[in-house]
C-alpha atoms as a PDB file:
ATOM      1  CA  MET A   1      16.342  -0.167 -48.186  1.00  0.00           C
ATOM      2  CA  THR A   2      20.261   0.095 -49.266  1.00  0.00           C
ATOM      3  CA  LEU A   3      21.945   3.415 -49.258  1.00  0.00           C
ATOM      4  CA  ILE A   4      25.184   4.171 -51.563  1.00  0.00           C
ATOM      5  CA  ARG A   5      27.241   6.723 -51.283  1.00  0.00           C
ATOM      6  CA  ASN A   6      27.831   9.612 -53.828  1.00  0.00           C
ATOM      7  CA  GLU A   7      31.652  10.660 -53.537  1.00  0.00           C
ATOM      8  CA  GLU A   8      31.034  13.980 -55.589  1.00  0.00           C
ATOM      9  CA  GLU A   9      27.668  15.078 -53.484  1.00  0.00           C
ATOM     10  CA  GLU A  10      28.813  13.773 -50.251  1.00  0.00           C
ATOM     11  CA  ASP A  11      25.438  12.338 -49.209  1.00  0.00           C
ATOM     12  CA  PHE A  12      23.324   9.361 -49.415  1.00  0.00           C
ATOM     13  CA  THR A  13      20.918   8.294 -51.812  1.00  0.00           C
ATOM     14  CA  SER A  14      18.091   5.336 -52.033  1.00  0.00           C
ATOM     15  CA  LEU A  15      18.572   2.467 -54.497  1.00  0.00           C
ATOM     16  CA  LYS A  16      14.154   2.230 -54.499  1.00  0.00           C
ATOM     17  CA  ALA A  17      13.887   5.758 -54.138  1.00  0.00           C
ATOM     18  CA  ASP A  18      13.676   8.400 -56.560  1.00  0.00           C
ATOM     19  CA  LYS A  19      16.956   9.461 -57.855  1.00  0.00           C
ATOM     20  CA  ASN A  20      16.601  13.313 -56.973  1.00  0.00           C
ATOM     21  CA  ARG A  21      15.403  12.638 -53.111  1.00  0.00           C
ATOM     22  CA  ARG A  22      18.472  12.418 -51.534  1.00  0.00           C
ATOM     23  CA  THR A  23      19.300  11.638 -47.362  1.00  0.00           C
ATOM     24  CA  PRO A  24      22.140  12.559 -45.477  1.00  0.00           C
ATOM     25  CA  ILE A  25      23.895   9.484 -43.565  1.00  0.00           C
ATOM     26  CA  ASP A  26      22.731  11.177 -40.120  1.00  0.00           C
ATOM     27  CA  ALA A  27      19.293  11.182 -40.750  1.00  0.00           C
ATOM     28  CA  PRO A  28      17.241   8.721 -38.843  1.00  0.00           C
ATOM     29  CA  THR A  29      13.915   7.003 -40.638  1.00  0.00           C
ATOM     30  CA  SER A  30      11.144   7.865 -39.197  1.00  0.00           C
ATOM     31  CA  ARG A  31      10.587   4.715 -37.122  1.00  0.00           C
ATOM     32  CA  GLU A  32      13.941   5.536 -35.393  1.00  0.00           C
ATOM     33  CA  SER A  33      13.445   9.131 -34.716  1.00  0.00           C
ATOM     34  CA  ALA A  34       9.981   7.924 -32.792  1.00  0.00           C
ATOM     35  CA  ALA A  35      12.005   5.334 -31.194  1.00  0.00           C
ATOM     36  CA  LEU A  36      14.368   7.682 -30.139  1.00  0.00           C
ATOM     37  CA  ALA A  37      11.933  10.388 -28.856  1.00  0.00           C
ATOM     38  CA  LYS A  38      10.450   7.844 -26.745  1.00  0.00           C
ATOM     39  CA  VAL A  39      14.033   6.520 -25.550  1.00  0.00           C
ATOM     40  CA  ARG A  40      14.413  10.417 -24.324  1.00  0.00           C
ATOM     41  CA  TYR A  41      11.048  10.465 -22.868  1.00  0.00           C
ATOM     42  CA  LYS A  42      11.802   7.236 -20.627  1.00  0.00           C
ATOM     43  CA  LYS A  43      14.999   8.949 -19.664  1.00  0.00           C
ATOM     44  CA  ARG A  44      13.847  12.523 -18.007  1.00  0.00           C
ATOM     45  CA  ARG A  45      10.764  10.802 -16.405  1.00  0.00           C
ATOM     46  CA  LYS A  46      11.559   9.650 -12.569  1.00  0.00           C
ATOM     47  CA  PRO A  47      10.338   6.411 -11.849  1.00  0.00           C
ATOM     48  CA  LYS A  48       7.737   6.544  -9.318  1.00  0.00           C
ATOM     49  CA  PRO A  49       8.453   5.565  -5.827  1.00  0.00           C
ATOM     50  CA  LYS A  50       7.165   1.961  -4.973  1.00  0.00           C
ATOM     51  CA  PRO A  51       5.542   1.729  -2.024  1.00  0.00           C
ATOM     52  CA  LEU A  52       7.430   0.361   0.675  1.00  0.00           C
ATOM     53  CA  VAL A  53       5.743  -2.764   2.357  1.00  0.00           C
ATOM     54  CA  ARG A  54       7.286  -3.406   5.871  1.00  0.00           C
ATOM     55  CA  TYR A  55       5.224  -5.962   7.276  1.00  0.00           C
ATOM     56  CA  ASN A  56       2.510  -9.087   6.036  1.00  0.00           C
ATOM     57  CA  ILE A  57      -0.448  -9.724   7.547  1.00  0.00           C
ATOM     58  CA  GLY A  58       0.608 -11.731  10.780  1.00  0.00           C
ATOM     59  CA  ASP A  59       4.227 -10.380  11.050  1.00  0.00           C
ATOM     60  CA  ALA A  60       5.073  -9.762  14.529  1.00  0.00           C
ATOM     61  CA  CYS A  61       6.169  -5.975  15.341  1.00  0.00           C
ATOM     62  CA  ARG A  62      10.199  -5.906  14.740  1.00  0.00           C
ATOM     63  CA  THR A  63      10.397  -2.715  16.738  1.00  0.00           C
ATOM     64  CA  SER A  64       8.529  -0.246  19.305  1.00  0.00           C
ATOM     65  CA  GLN A  65       9.275   2.605  16.492  1.00  0.00           C
ATOM     66  CA  ASP A  66       6.962   1.031  13.879  1.00  0.00           C
ATOM     67  CA  MET A  67       3.886   1.685  15.695  1.00  0.00           C
ATOM     68  CA  ILE A  68       2.048   4.748  17.667  1.00  0.00           C
ATOM     69  CA  ILE A  69       2.549   4.534  21.457  1.00  0.00           C
ATOM     70  CA  CYS A  70       0.393   6.637  23.466  1.00  0.00           C
ATOM     71  CA  SER A  71       1.139   7.721  27.056  1.00  0.00           C
ATOM     72  CA  SER A  72      -2.829   7.803  28.342  1.00  0.00           C
ATOM     73  CA  LYS A  73      -5.778   5.517  27.354  1.00  0.00           C
ATOM     74  CA  HIS A  74      -7.827   8.304  26.141  1.00  0.00           C
ATOM     75  CA  ALA A  75      -5.060   8.945  23.724  1.00  0.00           C
ATOM     76  CA  ALA A  76      -4.642   5.192  22.763  1.00  0.00           C
ATOM     77  CA  THR A  77      -8.592   5.091  22.313  1.00  0.00           C
ATOM     78  CA  GLU A  78      -8.258   8.333  20.074  1.00  0.00           C
ATOM     79  CA  SER A  79      -5.556   7.272  18.161  1.00  0.00           C
ATOM     80  CA  ALA A  80      -7.156   3.460  17.277  1.00  0.00           C
ATOM     81  CA  GLY A  81     -10.144   5.469  16.428  1.00  0.00           C
ATOM     82  CA  LEU A  82      -8.380   7.427  13.238  1.00  0.00           C
ATOM     83  CA  LEU A  83      -7.933   3.544  11.709  1.00  0.00           C
ATOM     84  CA  LYS A  84     -10.331   3.400   8.531  1.00  0.00           C
ATOM     85  CA  LYS A  85     -11.159   0.236   6.620  1.00  0.00           C
ATOM     86  CA  TRP A  86      -8.349  -1.689   5.110  1.00  0.00           C
ATOM     87  CA  ASP A  87      -5.627   0.292   6.982  1.00  0.00           C
ATOM     88  CA  GLY A  88      -3.017  -1.745   8.935  1.00  0.00           C
ATOM     89  CA  ALA A  89      -2.313  -1.897  12.839  1.00  0.00           C
ATOM     90  CA  PHE A  90      -0.784  -3.632  15.253  1.00  0.00           C
ATOM     91  CA  ILE A  91      -2.861  -6.367  17.469  1.00  0.00           C
ATOM     92  CA  LYS A  92      -1.631  -7.520  20.792  1.00  0.00           C
ATOM     93  CA  ARG A  93      -2.554 -11.396  20.507  1.00  0.00           C
ATOM     94  CA  SER A  94      -3.716 -13.454  23.222  1.00  0.00           C
ATOM     95  CA  CYS A  95       0.004 -14.522  23.750  1.00  0.00           C
ATOM     96  CA  GLY A  96       1.420 -10.957  24.361  1.00  0.00           C
ATOM     97  CA  VAL A  97       2.982 -10.113  20.813  1.00  0.00           C
ATOM     98  CA  TRP A  98       2.324  -7.321  18.757  1.00  0.00           C
ATOM     99  CA  THR A  99       1.244  -8.798  15.370  1.00  0.00           C
ATOM    100  CA  TYR A 100       0.551  -6.401  11.999  1.00  0.00           C
ATOM    101  CA  ALA A 101      -3.221  -6.967  11.095  1.00  0.00           C
ATOM    102  CA  VAL A 102      -5.715  -5.318   8.884  1.00  0.00           C
ATOM    103  CA  LEU A 103      -9.174  -3.573   9.985  1.00  0.00           C
ATOM    104  CA  ILE A 104     -11.847  -5.446   7.704  1.00  0.00           C
ATOM    105  CA  GLU A 105     -14.959  -3.716   9.361  1.00  0.00           C
ATOM    106  CA  ARG A 106     -15.934  -1.145  12.178  1.00  0.00           C
ATOM    107  CA  ALA A 107     -19.507  -1.149  13.304  1.00  0.00           C
ATOM    108  CA  PRO A 108     -21.441  -1.168  16.312  1.00  0.00           C
ATOM    109  CA  GLN A 109     -21.541  -4.559  18.158  1.00  0.00           C
ATOM    110  CA  PRO A 110     -23.729  -5.746  20.801  1.00  0.00           C
ATOM    111  CA  VAL A 111     -22.359  -5.358  24.356  1.00  0.00           C
ATOM    112  CA  ASP A 112     -24.450  -8.321  25.967  1.00  0.00           C
ATOM    113  CA  VAL A 113     -22.234 -10.737  23.988  1.00  0.00           C
ATOM    114  CA  ILE A 114     -19.133  -8.734  25.060  1.00  0.00           C
ATOM    115  CA  LYS A 115     -19.871  -8.512  28.856  1.00  0.00           C
ATOM    116  CA  ARG A 116     -20.660 -12.369  28.585  1.00  0.00           C
ATOM    117  CA  ARG A 117     -16.823 -13.029  28.022  1.00  0.00           C
ATOM    118  CA  LEU A 118     -17.618 -15.917  25.622  1.00  0.00           C
ATOM    119  CA  GLU A 119     -14.728 -17.399  24.003  1.00  0.00           C
ATOM    120  CA  TYR A 120     -15.983 -17.368  20.618  1.00  0.00           C
ATOM    121  CA  PHE A 121     -18.545 -14.808  19.353  1.00  0.00           C
ATOM    122  CA  TYR A 122     -19.033 -13.220  15.846  1.00  0.00           C
ATOM    123  CA  TRP A 123     -19.206 -10.541  14.103  1.00  0.00           C
ATOM    124  CA  THR A 124     -22.962  -9.730  13.602  1.00  0.00           C
ATOM    125  CA  THR A 125     -24.136  -7.108  10.681  1.00  0.00           C
ATOM    126  CA  LEU A 126     -27.109  -4.419  11.546  1.00  0.00           C
ATOM    127  CA  GLU A 127     -30.141  -6.680  10.297  1.00  0.00           C
ATOM    128  CA  GLU A 128     -29.037  -9.292  12.599  1.00  0.00           C
ATOM    129  CA  VAL A 129     -29.291  -7.339  15.959  1.00  0.00           C
ATOM    130  CA  ASP A 130     -31.731  -6.600  18.214  1.00  0.00           C
ATOM    131  CA  PRO A 131     -32.507  -2.831  17.948  1.00  0.00           C
ATOM    132  CA  ARG A 132     -33.224  -2.705  21.753  1.00  0.00           C
ATOM    133  CA  CYS A 133     -29.872  -4.231  22.511  1.00  0.00           C
ATOM    134  CA  GLU A 134     -27.147  -1.857  23.792  1.00  0.00           C
ATOM    135  CA  MET A 135     -24.372  -1.588  21.242  1.00  0.00           C
ATOM    136  CA  GLU A 136     -20.414  -0.578  21.220  1.00  0.00           C
ATOM    137  CA  ASP A 137     -18.088   0.552  18.633  1.00  0.00           C
ATOM    138  CA  SER A 138     -15.874  -2.482  17.790  1.00  0.00           C
ATOM    139  CA  MET A 139     -13.230  -3.155  14.970  1.00  0.00           C
ATOM    140  CA  LEU A 140     -12.852  -6.253  13.029  1.00  0.00           C
ATOM    141  CA  PHE A 141      -9.327  -7.443  11.982  1.00  0.00           C
ATOM    142  CA  ALA A 142      -7.530 -10.173   9.720  1.00  0.00           C
ATOM    143  CA  ILE A 143      -4.925 -11.422  12.055  1.00  0.00           C
ATOM    144  CA  ASP A 144      -3.255 -14.111   9.418  1.00  0.00           C
ATOM    145  CA  GLY A 145      -3.382 -15.165   5.997  1.00  0.00           C
ATOM    146  CA  ASP A 146      -5.276 -17.944   6.938  1.00  0.00           C
ATOM    147  CA  GLY A 147      -8.632 -16.037   7.659  1.00  0.00           C
ATOM    148  CA  GLY A 148      -8.355 -15.638  11.576  1.00  0.00           C
ATOM    149  CA  THR A 149      -9.910 -12.559  12.693  1.00  0.00           C
ATOM    150  CA  LYS A 150     -10.253 -10.814  16.025  1.00  0.00           C
ATOM    151  CA  ILE A 151     -12.724  -8.586  17.222  1.00  0.00           C
ATOM    152  CA  ILE A 152     -11.813  -5.290  19.722  1.00  0.00           C
ATOM    153  CA  PRO A 153     -14.433  -3.772  21.233  1.00  0.00           C
ATOM    154  CA  LYS A 154     -14.093   0.334  21.883  1.00  0.00           C
ATOM    155  CA  HIS A 155     -13.498  -0.175  25.738  1.00  0.00           C
ATOM    156  CA  ALA A 156      -9.915  -2.470  24.473  1.00  0.00           C
ATOM    157  CA  TRP A 157      -8.762  -0.565  22.018  1.00  0.00           C
ATOM    158  CA  PHE A 158      -6.306   0.879  24.503  1.00  0.00           C
ATOM    159  CA  ASN A 159      -5.005  -2.097  25.058  1.00  0.00           C
ATOM    160  CA  TYR A 160      -4.958  -4.167  21.840  1.00  0.00           C
ATOM    161  CA  VAL A 161      -4.661  -1.599  19.108  1.00  0.00           C
ATOM    162  CA  ARG A 162      -1.895   0.530  18.035  1.00  0.00           C
ATOM    163  CA  ARG A 163      -1.624   2.176  14.893  1.00  0.00           C
ATOM    164  CA  PHE A 164       1.236   1.970  12.706  1.00  0.00           C
ATOM    165  CA  ASN A 165       3.691   4.797  12.329  1.00  0.00           C
ATOM    166  CA  PRO A 166       3.524   6.184   8.916  1.00  0.00           C
ATOM    167  CA  THR A 167       6.510   8.825   9.323  1.00  0.00           C
ATOM    168  CA  LEU A 168       8.749   6.040   9.042  1.00  0.00           C
ATOM    169  CA  LEU A 169       7.831   5.241   5.563  1.00  0.00           C
ATOM    170  CA  PRO A 170       9.306   8.276   3.559  1.00  0.00           C
ATOM    171  CA  ASN A 171      12.744   8.043   5.633  1.00  0.00           C
ATOM    172  CA  LEU A 172      12.954   4.297   4.735  1.00  0.00           C
ATOM    173  CA  ALA A 173      11.941   5.111   1.009  1.00  0.00           C
ATOM    174  CA  GLU A 174      14.863   7.618   0.367  1.00  0.00           C
ATOM    175  CA  SER A 175      17.620   5.363   2.004  1.00  0.00           C
ATOM    176  CA  SER A 176      16.421   2.639   0.299  1.00  0.00           C
ATOM    177  CA  GLU A 177      17.183   4.564  -3.047  1.00  0.00           C
ATOM    178  CA  ALA A 178      20.902   6.087  -2.166  1.00  0.00           C
END
């Protein structure tokens, strides 16, 4: 569409449009106005903060401030008990290093298997367990990207499980925006 300027009337007319229809030079077409409105809308919206992921499964804890450390065994057990499925936590590995892991499952497990201290025991479902067995609440964690898992019974939560410190996330997000 070509526009020509009519010197006498100080406005523009379209060659293909009706001669009586006049369009000012600054008037955008409907497509342009829709695009401009979209741009204005995007400028007004604030971008959503991206979730801050500081640890991947299997990463060693960088600082003790990243985990919640409780002063008593009871408080540590209660703190670990607050974990829900798919929550991240730090797990003490057999070498003594605290690594980031994700809680996969939490369910009662037979105590007799735990007391025998077998080097390897597997996660059992409620259908596989004899109902007469004594049970203890346990957690199953994914500890590395290769599919490694670790089962931690409740009597050991205070020693081997520490929750991720969520109070650090907002402060880190604000400092990264600046």
